[in-house]
């Protein structure tokens, strides 16, 4: 039975992918017994299930080569076809009909896509809402996926620039005097954002964007007074913002701008009596149209396999449950990545001075 799948090439020049005079496309059609149709920024292909699996893997390989090299020639196509043909076929069993489209980004080191249901909800929410707060423990891909979504929006010309920011706060230690100019002093604090960009853009393209201020990486303190129009703005490590800094950041957004705010509200480096802006904002903005809160959990951790065990051990040590307990009811939209319009999220389970949970699971 013939089935159909599709893949998005939004933000990619078809000429670079299909070649001059559709040379690459003809090679692809000759290599795979499937029907290929390209309309706008979507490629549809139909045929038997095993060939659709190979075709899908081929497009992943081809788009990776295109993003890494800046172009795709006939030799690249033949090489990708050969690699796909040599791979062992994967089990099928996909549902009938077109595959549900998900966020997929083709970075310099390969395909970037959500790996857990929580990350899937996060990506869908970020594409549907103008401001999204992603709250969860370390290793859940909050920052990495946010940068990937921002770069994808820039490629698709939905925004004209990307601005990445985070508070310049030391994690429990005093580094003392740092040499160099302003950017050299704050570079250690902003390095995680730079690392993510290096994974997603060719070095020369990234350098050009940085020089032309198409991509800016700035400490949060230098955002005051700015109006950010037609920009995708990411605030990372938001648990280290004060209430006033969070308000300042959110009121920088101008016409045509979007924002993702990420943080782990159980790991704040603020002074002992300071209330985290990320904790406070969850009560203030619940129910505002166009704003969503997505809560990632330890099940969404995609780092080393021990990170999840470490988080569970800390939870037990801090008074949490030794084994999973029945979940209380989370406010509507809080975990599902929906509209986020529901009851206010209870705050009594947090130690407001440090933004930590006093015990048990995150209030649902």
Protein backbone atom coordinates (compact mmCIF):
# COMPACT_ATOMS: atom_id res chain seq x y z
CA UNK A 1 0.00 0.00 0.00
CA UNK A 2 1.36 3.41 -1.00
CA UNK A 3 1.82 5.89 1.82
CA UNK A 4 3.04 9.47 2.00
CA UNK A 5 5.47 11.37 4.19
CA UNK A 6 6.75 14.91 4.12
CA UNK A 7 9.70 16.96 5.27
CA UNK A 8 10.04 20.71 5.69
CA UNK A 9 12.84 22.66 3.99
CA UNK A 10 11.74 26.01 5.36
CA UNK A 11 14.57 28.53 5.21
CA UNK A 12 16.54 26.49 2.63
CA UNK A 13 17.09 27.71 -0.93
CA UNK A 14 15.66 24.97 -3.23
CA UNK A 15 18.35 25.76 -5.81
CA UNK A 16 21.07 24.76 -3.33
CA UNK A 17 19.25 21.53 -2.52
CA UNK A 18 17.95 20.40 -5.93
CA UNK A 19 20.86 21.75 -7.96
CA UNK A 20 20.97 23.76 -11.17
CA UNK A 21 18.26 22.55 -13.54
CA UNK A 22 17.10 20.11 -10.83
CA UNK A 23 20.19 17.96 -11.44
CA UNK A 24 20.27 16.65 -7.86
CA UNK A 25 16.52 15.99 -7.85
CA UNK A 26 16.80 13.80 -10.96
CA UNK A 27 19.58 11.75 -9.32
CA UNK A 28 17.43 11.30 -6.20
CA UNK A 29 14.38 10.23 -8.22
CA UNK A 30 16.50 7.69 -10.10
CA UNK A 31 17.90 6.24 -6.85
CA UNK A 32 14.61 5.72 -4.99
CA UNK A 33 11.39 4.14 -6.35
CA UNK A 34 9.18 6.82 -4.78
CA UNK A 35 7.19 9.73 -6.15
CA UNK A 36 8.68 13.07 -5.05
CA UNK A 37 6.76 16.36 -5.12
CA UNK A 38 8.23 19.68 -4.00
CA UNK A 39 5.83 22.54 -3.30
CA UNK A 40 6.98 25.67 -1.50
CA UNK A 41 8.94 24.68 1.58
CA UNK A 42 7.62 21.12 1.82
CA UNK A 43 8.86 17.97 0.07
CA UNK A 44 6.32 15.13 -0.14
CA UNK A 45 7.24 11.61 -1.14
CA UNK A 46 5.01 8.57 -1.50
CA UNK A 47 5.67 4.86 -2.02
CA UNK A 48 6.15 1.62 -0.12
CA UNK A 49 7.04 1.79 3.57
CA UNK A 50 10.65 0.48 3.38
CA UNK A 51 11.52 2.94 0.61
CA UNK A 52 9.94 5.81 2.55
CA UNK A 53 12.21 4.97 5.49
CA UNK A 54 15.27 5.11 3.22
CA UNK A 55 14.04 8.30 1.57
CA UNK A 56 13.58 9.97 4.94
CA UNK A 57 17.10 9.00 6.05
CA UNK A 58 18.47 10.28 2.74
CA UNK A 59 16.90 13.73 3.22
CA UNK A 60 18.37 13.93 6.73
CA UNK A 61 21.81 13.13 5.32
CA UNK A 62 21.44 15.52 2.37
CA UNK A 63 20.28 18.45 4.50
CA UNK A 64 23.11 17.84 6.94
CA UNK A 65 25.65 17.97 4.08
CA UNK A 66 24.00 21.09 2.66
CA UNK A 67 24.13 22.88 5.99
CA UNK A 68 27.73 21.84 6.67
CA UNK A 69 29.14 22.61 3.20
CA UNK A 70 26.85 25.43 2.11
CA UNK A 71 25.90 23.54 -1.07
CA UNK A 72 24.94 20.06 -2.29
CA UNK A 73 26.53 18.73 -5.47
CA UNK A 74 26.03 15.51 -7.44
CA UNK A 75 28.86 13.72 -5.63
CA UNK A 76 27.24 14.54 -2.28
CA UNK A 77 23.94 13.10 -3.51
CA UNK A 78 25.57 9.86 -4.73
CA UNK A 79 27.50 9.51 -1.46
CA UNK A 80 24.34 10.02 0.63
CA UNK A 81 22.41 7.51 -1.48
CA UNK A 82 25.19 4.94 -1.05
CA UNK A 83 25.30 5.38 2.73
CA UNK A 84 21.53 5.05 3.04
CA UNK A 85 21.47 1.94 0.84
CA UNK A 86 24.21 0.31 2.95
CA UNK A 87 22.37 0.91 6.23
CA UNK A 88 20.28 -1.88 7.71
CA UNK A 89 16.56 -1.19 7.30
CA UNK A 90 14.80 0.09 10.41
CA UNK A 91 11.60 -1.49 11.73
CA UNK A 92 8.52 0.04 10.20
CA UNK A 93 5.08 0.19 11.75
CA UNK A 94 4.44 3.89 11.14
CA UNK A 95 0.78 4.90 11.17
CA UNK A 96 -1.04 5.17 7.87
CA UNK A 97 -1.32 8.56 6.24
CA UNK A 98 1.03 11.56 6.34
CA UNK A 99 3.49 11.70 9.22
CA UNK A 100 2.76 14.38 11.82
CA UNK A 101 5.17 17.23 11.27
CA UNK A 102 7.53 18.05 14.13
CA UNK A 103 10.29 20.57 14.71
CA UNK A 104 13.45 19.43 12.94
CA UNK A 105 16.60 21.53 12.61
CA UNK A 106 19.57 20.65 10.41
CA UNK A 107 22.68 21.78 12.24
CA UNK A 108 26.36 21.61 11.42
CA UNK A 109 26.73 18.39 13.41
CA UNK A 110 23.57 16.69 12.23
CA UNK A 111 19.82 16.70 12.81
CA UNK A 112 18.49 18.40 15.93
CA UNK A 113 15.00 17.40 17.02
CA UNK A 114 13.11 16.86 20.29
CA UNK A 115 13.98 13.51 21.86
CA UNK A 116 11.35 13.24 24.60
CA UNK A 117 7.61 14.00 24.85
CA UNK A 118 8.44 16.94 27.11
CA UNK A 119 10.84 18.41 24.57
CA UNK A 120 8.22 17.88 21.86
CA UNK A 121 5.68 19.89 23.89
CA UNK A 122 8.32 22.56 24.45
CA UNK A 123 9.07 22.95 20.72
CA UNK A 124 5.42 23.02 19.73
CA UNK A 125 4.69 25.65 22.37
CA UNK A 126 7.66 27.79 21.25
CA UNK A 127 6.39 27.72 17.66
CA UNK A 128 2.83 28.59 18.69
CA UNK A 129 3.35 31.28 21.35
CA UNK A 130 5.16 34.62 21.38
CA UNK A 131 6.71 34.14 24.82
CA UNK A 132 7.50 30.73 26.32
CA UNK A 133 8.99 29.95 29.72
CA UNK A 134 10.82 26.60 29.77
CA UNK A 135 11.43 25.50 33.35
CA UNK A 136 13.24 22.30 34.22
CA UNK A 137 16.40 20.64 35.53
CA UNK A 138 19.82 20.62 33.92
CA UNK A 139 20.22 18.47 30.83
CA UNK A 140 16.68 18.74 29.48
CA UNK A 141 17.73 20.67 26.36
CA UNK A 142 16.06 23.96 27.29
CA UNK A 143 18.80 26.24 25.97
CA UNK A 144 19.95 24.07 23.08
CA UNK A 145 16.47 23.71 21.58
CA UNK A 146 15.75 27.42 22.15
CA UNK A 147 18.83 28.37 20.12
CA UNK A 148 17.90 25.88 17.38
CA UNK A 149 14.38 27.36 17.12
CA UNK A 150 15.79 30.88 17.01
CA UNK A 151 18.25 30.03 14.21
CA UNK A 152 15.45 28.31 12.28
CA UNK A 153 13.29 31.46 12.56
CA UNK A 154 16.23 33.55 11.33
CA UNK A 155 16.80 31.23 8.36
CA UNK A 156 13.11 31.44 7.46
CA UNK A 157 13.33 35.27 7.68
CA UNK A 158 10.57 35.35 10.29
CA UNK A 159 12.89 37.51 12.41
CA UNK A 160 15.80 39.70 11.38
CA UNK A 161 18.11 39.06 14.35
CA UNK A 162 18.75 36.87 17.38
CA UNK A 163 19.64 38.21 20.81
CA UNK A 164 20.95 35.82 23.47
CA UNK A 165 21.34 36.98 27.05
CA UNK A 166 21.84 35.65 30.56
CA UNK A 167 22.68 37.13 33.96
CA UNK A 168 26.41 37.37 34.68
CA UNK A 169 26.28 35.64 38.07
CA UNK A 170 28.93 33.26 39.35
CA UNK A 171 27.77 29.78 40.36
CA UNK A 172 28.62 29.78 44.06
CA UNK A 173 32.21 31.02 43.74
CA UNK A 174 34.01 34.32 43.38
CA UNK A 175 36.14 34.49 40.24
CA UNK A 176 37.61 37.85 41.17
CA UNK A 177 39.06 40.24 38.59
CA UNK A 178 38.80 39.10 34.98
CA UNK A 179 41.20 40.60 32.38
CA UNK A 180 40.29 41.94 28.95
CA UNK A 181 37.60 44.16 27.46
CA UNK A 182 33.88 43.91 28.26
CA UNK A 183 33.13 40.96 25.98
CA UNK A 184 36.19 39.06 27.21
CA UNK A 185 35.07 39.57 30.81
CA UNK A 186 31.53 38.28 30.23
CA UNK A 187 32.48 35.54 27.75
CA UNK A 188 32.77 32.81 30.45
CA UNK A 189 29.17 33.48 31.50
CA UNK A 190 27.84 33.46 27.92
CA UNK A 191 29.91 30.54 26.64
CA UNK A 192 27.06 27.96 26.73
CA UNK A 193 25.10 30.10 24.27
CA UNK A 194 28.13 30.47 21.99
CA UNK A 195 28.73 26.70 22.08
CA UNK A 196 25.16 26.02 20.93
CA UNK A 197 25.55 28.44 18.01
CA UNK A 198 28.79 26.75 16.91
CA UNK A 199 26.88 23.46 16.67
CA UNK A 200 24.24 24.96 14.40
CA UNK A 201 25.92 27.37 12.00
CA UNK A 202 29.03 27.18 9.78
CA UNK A 203 31.89 29.09 11.40
CA UNK A 204 32.16 31.72 8.67
CA UNK A 205 28.41 32.36 8.68
CA UNK A 206 28.31 32.65 12.47
CA UNK A 207 31.25 35.06 12.47
CA UNK A 208 29.57 37.20 9.82
CA UNK A 209 26.31 37.29 11.81
CA UNK A 210 28.18 38.30 14.97
CA UNK A 211 30.11 41.07 13.20
CA UNK A 212 26.94 42.48 11.64
CA UNK A 213 24.99 42.21 14.91
CA UNK A 214 22.51 39.84 13.29
CA UNK A 215 23.29 37.65 16.29
CA UNK A 216 24.09 39.37 19.59
CA UNK A 217 25.25 37.73 22.82
CA UNK A 218 25.02 40.22 25.68
CA UNK A 219 24.81 40.17 29.48
CA UNK A 220 21.36 40.92 30.85
CA UNK A 221 22.53 44.10 32.58
CA UNK A 222 23.12 45.72 29.17
CA UNK A 223 19.55 45.15 27.95
CA UNK A 224 18.05 48.05 29.90
CA UNK A 225 16.71 50.87 27.73
CA UNK A 226 16.62 48.85 24.50
CA UNK A 227 13.57 48.11 22.34
CA UNK A 228 13.95 44.85 20.45
CA UNK A 229 11.89 44.81 17.25
CA UNK A 230 11.69 41.86 14.83
CA UNK A 231 13.99 39.79 17.02
CA UNK A 232 14.09 36.36 18.60
CA UNK A 233 15.29 36.86 22.16
CA UNK A 234 16.47 34.13 24.53
CA UNK A 235 16.99 34.69 28.25
CA UNK A 236 18.99 31.79 29.66
CA UNK A 237 19.60 30.92 33.34
CA UNK A 238 16.54 33.01 34.23
CA UNK A 239 16.46 31.60 37.77
CA UNK A 240 19.31 34.04 38.47
CA UNK A 241 17.26 37.11 37.55
CA UNK A 242 15.70 39.27 40.22
CA UNK A 243 12.05 40.23 39.99
CA UNK A 244 13.00 43.66 38.60
CA UNK A 245 15.39 42.17 36.03
CA UNK A 246 12.70 39.81 34.77
CA UNK A 247 10.26 42.70 34.35
CA UNK A 248 12.95 44.74 32.59
CA UNK A 249 13.71 41.92 30.17
CA UNK A 250 10.10 41.15 29.26
CA UNK A 251 9.33 44.83 28.58
CA UNK A 252 12.19 45.06 26.04
CA UNK A 253 10.19 43.13 23.42
CA UNK A 254 9.09 45.21 20.46
CA UNK A 255 6.93 44.65 17.38
CA UNK A 256 7.39 41.31 15.67
CA UNK A 257 9.57 39.84 18.42
CA UNK A 258 9.40 36.49 20.20
CA UNK A 259 11.11 35.27 23.35
CA UNK A 260 12.04 32.05 25.14
CA UNK A 261 13.00 32.21 28.81
CA UNK A 262 14.79 29.16 30.22
CA UNK A 263 15.87 28.24 33.71
CA UNK A 264 15.93 25.76 36.57
CA UNK A 265 14.11 27.25 39.54
CA UNK A 266 15.73 24.75 41.92
CA UNK A 267 19.28 26.03 41.25
CA UNK A 268 19.49 29.75 41.87
CA UNK A 269 22.74 31.60 42.59
CA UNK A 270 21.03 34.75 43.86
CA UNK A 271 21.76 36.06 47.38
CA UNK A 272 19.99 34.10 50.10
CA UNK A 273 17.05 36.49 50.59
CA UNK A 274 16.48 37.43 46.95
CA UNK A 275 13.35 36.10 45.21
CA UNK A 276 14.03 34.65 41.78
CA UNK A 277 12.22 36.44 38.98
CA UNK A 278 11.60 33.07 37.33
CA UNK A 279 9.73 31.83 40.41
CA UNK A 280 7.66 35.00 40.79
CA UNK A 281 6.70 35.33 37.14
CA UNK A 282 4.93 31.97 37.16
CA UNK A 283 2.19 33.50 39.31
CA UNK A 284 2.12 36.89 37.60
CA UNK A 285 1.73 35.85 33.95
CA UNK A 286 -0.37 32.72 34.25
CA UNK A 287 -3.39 33.20 31.96
CA UNK A 288 -1.95 35.89 29.66
CA UNK A 289 -2.77 35.22 26.00
CA UNK A 290 0.29 34.34 23.89
CA UNK A 291 2.41 33.33 26.90
CA UNK A 292 2.99 29.71 27.89
CA UNK A 293 4.83 27.83 30.61
CA UNK A 294 6.32 24.43 29.82
CA UNK A 295 7.72 22.35 32.68
CA UNK A 296 10.33 19.76 31.84
CA UNK A 297 11.12 16.98 34.31
CA UNK A 298 13.98 14.58 34.99
CA UNK A 299 12.40 12.19 32.46
CA UNK A 300 13.39 14.72 29.77
CA UNK A 301 17.11 14.69 30.63
CA UNK A 302 19.18 13.81 27.55
CA UNK A 303 22.70 14.14 28.97
CA UNK A 304 24.78 11.33 30.48
CA UNK A 305 22.59 8.50 31.79
CA UNK A 306 23.74 9.25 35.36
CA UNK A 307 22.40 12.83 35.34
CA UNK A 308 18.84 11.58 35.82
CA UNK A 309 19.99 9.37 38.72
CA UNK A 310 21.86 12.32 40.26
CA UNK A 311 18.73 14.50 40.11
CA UNK A 312 16.67 11.75 41.75
CA UNK A 313 19.29 11.33 44.50
CA UNK A 314 19.24 15.07 45.25
CA UNK A 315 15.45 15.00 45.32
CA UNK A 316 15.50 12.25 47.95
CA UNK A 317 18.23 14.00 49.97
CA UNK A 318 16.23 17.26 50.01
CA UNK A 319 13.16 15.53 51.36
CA UNK A 320 11.50 14.41 48.14
CA UNK A 321 9.87 11.04 47.57
CA UNK A 322 12.11 7.99 47.33
CA UNK A 323 9.77 6.54 44.73
CA UNK A 324 7.40 8.23 42.27
CA UNK A 325 4.13 9.17 43.89
CA UNK A 326 0.77 9.86 42.30
CA UNK A 327 0.85 13.24 40.57
CA UNK A 328 -1.47 15.92 41.91
CA UNK A 329 -3.45 17.85 39.34
CA UNK A 330 -1.35 20.41 37.46
CA UNK A 331 -3.02 23.66 36.39
CA UNK A 332 -4.53 23.46 32.93
CA UNK A 333 -1.93 23.83 30.17
CA UNK A 334 1.03 23.87 32.58
CA UNK A 335 2.64 20.58 31.59
CA UNK A 336 1.03 19.94 28.23
CA UNK A 337 2.63 22.89 26.49
CA UNK A 338 -0.83 24.27 25.76
CA UNK A 339 -2.13 27.77 26.20
CA UNK A 340 -0.93 27.98 29.78
CA UNK A 341 -4.20 29.59 30.81
CA UNK A 342 -5.20 27.91 34.04
CA UNK A 343 -5.04 28.31 37.77
CA UNK A 344 -2.06 29.97 39.39
CA UNK A 345 0.70 27.54 40.15
CA UNK A 346 0.98 26.96 43.94
CA UNK A 347 4.06 28.57 45.45
CA UNK A 348 3.92 27.16 48.97
CA UNK A 349 6.12 24.18 48.12
CA UNK A 350 9.10 26.44 47.35
CA UNK A 351 11.68 28.03 49.59
CA UNK A 352 11.38 31.49 48.12
CA UNK A 353 14.77 32.62 49.40
CA UNK A 354 16.58 30.10 47.25
CA UNK A 355 13.89 29.12 44.79
CA UNK A 356 14.06 25.49 45.93
CA UNK A 357 11.38 22.90 46.42
CA UNK A 358 10.75 22.07 50.05
CA UNK A 359 9.89 18.50 49.22
CA UNK A 360 7.95 16.27 46.88
CA UNK A 361 7.40 16.78 43.20
CA UNK A 362 6.91 20.06 41.40
CA UNK A 363 3.40 21.39 42.06
CA UNK A 364 1.25 20.11 39.28
